């Protein structure tokens, strides 16, 4: 776990690349914001459904 925390704090470029490839919800989960990431996904689905 210490290796993962060190990677997150010392390699913002890696986090940015993950964000560009997979989107902001995956980055939030990667950075330890799991519940916020799940909420973000549900809000995105709700917004998409509202446009239909």
C-alpha atoms as a PDB file:
ATOM      1  CA  UNK A   1       0.000   0.000   0.000  1.00  0.00           C
ATOM      2  CA  UNK A   2       2.896   2.371   0.673  1.00  0.00           C
ATOM      3  CA  UNK A   3       4.114   1.952  -2.891  1.00  0.00           C
ATOM      4  CA  UNK A   4       0.729   2.936  -4.321  1.00  0.00           C
ATOM      5  CA  UNK A   5       0.487   5.995  -2.052  1.00  0.00           C
ATOM      6  CA  UNK A   6       4.003   7.044  -3.040  1.00  0.00           C
ATOM      7  CA  UNK A   7       3.155   6.684  -6.731  1.00  0.00           C
ATOM      8  CA  UNK A   8       0.049   8.834  -6.327  1.00  0.00           C
ATOM      9  CA  UNK A   9       1.829  11.604  -4.472  1.00  0.00           C
ATOM     10  CA  UNK A  10       5.003  11.663  -6.584  1.00  0.00           C
ATOM     11  CA  UNK A  11       3.712  11.019 -10.081  1.00  0.00           C
ATOM     12  CA  UNK A  12       0.969  13.447 -11.087  1.00  0.00           C
ATOM     13  CA  UNK A  13       1.802  12.840 -14.756  1.00  0.00           C
ATOM     14  CA  UNK A  14       0.808   9.189 -14.375  1.00  0.00           C
ATOM     15  CA  UNK A  15      -2.460  10.212 -12.777  1.00  0.00           C
ATOM     16  CA  UNK A  16      -3.123  12.670 -15.606  1.00  0.00           C
ATOM     17  CA  UNK A  17      -2.469   9.971 -18.212  1.00  0.00           C
ATOM     18  CA  UNK A  18      -4.879   7.613 -16.459  1.00  0.00           C
ATOM     19  CA  UNK A  19      -7.428  10.443 -16.455  1.00  0.00           C
ATOM     20  CA  UNK A  20      -7.035  11.059 -20.164  1.00  0.00           C
ATOM     21  CA  UNK A  21      -7.379   7.363 -20.969  1.00  0.00           C
ATOM     22  CA  UNK A  22     -10.187   6.326 -18.652  1.00  0.00           C
ATOM     23  CA  UNK A  23     -12.023   9.459 -17.533  1.00  0.00           C
ATOM     24  CA  UNK A  24     -12.455  11.359 -14.287  1.00  0.00           C
ATOM     25  CA  UNK A  25     -14.446   8.712 -12.441  1.00  0.00           C
ATOM     26  CA  UNK A  26     -11.617   6.179 -12.718  1.00  0.00           C
ATOM     27  CA  UNK A  27      -9.103   8.779 -11.545  1.00  0.00           C
ATOM     28  CA  UNK A  28     -11.251   9.598  -8.510  1.00  0.00           C
ATOM     29  CA  UNK A  29     -11.392   5.906  -7.643  1.00  0.00           C
ATOM     30  CA  UNK A  30      -7.623   5.609  -8.201  1.00  0.00           C
ATOM     31  CA  UNK A  31      -6.947   8.512  -5.866  1.00  0.00           C
ATOM     32  CA  UNK A  32      -9.003   6.961  -3.094  1.00  0.00           C
ATOM     33  CA  UNK A  33     -12.254   8.835  -3.621  1.00  0.00           C
ATOM     34  CA  UNK A  34     -14.347   5.742  -4.294  1.00  0.00           C
ATOM     35  CA  UNK A  35     -17.730   6.976  -3.079  1.00  0.00           C
ATOM     36  CA  UNK A  36     -17.330  10.254  -4.933  1.00  0.00           C
ATOM     37  CA  UNK A  37     -16.419   8.315  -8.086  1.00  0.00           C
ATOM     38  CA  UNK A  38     -19.541   6.153  -7.781  1.00  0.00           C
ATOM     39  CA  UNK A  39     -21.671   9.258  -7.242  1.00  0.00           C
ATOM     40  CA  UNK A  40     -20.054  10.877 -10.285  1.00  0.00           C
ATOM     41  CA  UNK A  41     -20.945   7.869 -12.446  1.00  0.00           C
ATOM     42  CA  UNK A  42     -24.574   7.871 -11.274  1.00  0.00           C
ATOM     43  CA  UNK A  43     -24.905  11.610 -11.861  1.00  0.00           C
ATOM     44  CA  UNK A  44     -23.509  11.123 -15.369  1.00  0.00           C
ATOM     45  CA  UNK A  45     -26.041   8.380 -16.080  1.00  0.00           C
ATOM     46  CA  UNK A  46     -28.861  10.538 -14.722  1.00  0.00           C
ATOM     47  CA  UNK A  47     -27.811  13.482 -16.873  1.00  0.00           C
ATOM     48  CA  UNK A  48     -27.642  11.260 -19.957  1.00  0.00           C
ATOM     49  CA  UNK A  49     -31.064   9.782 -19.215  1.00  0.00           C
ATOM     50  CA  UNK A  50     -32.540  13.246 -18.728  1.00  0.00           C
ATOM     51  CA  UNK A  51     -31.432  14.245 -22.223  1.00  0.00           C
ATOM     52  CA  UNK A  52     -33.239  11.329 -23.863  1.00  0.00           C
END
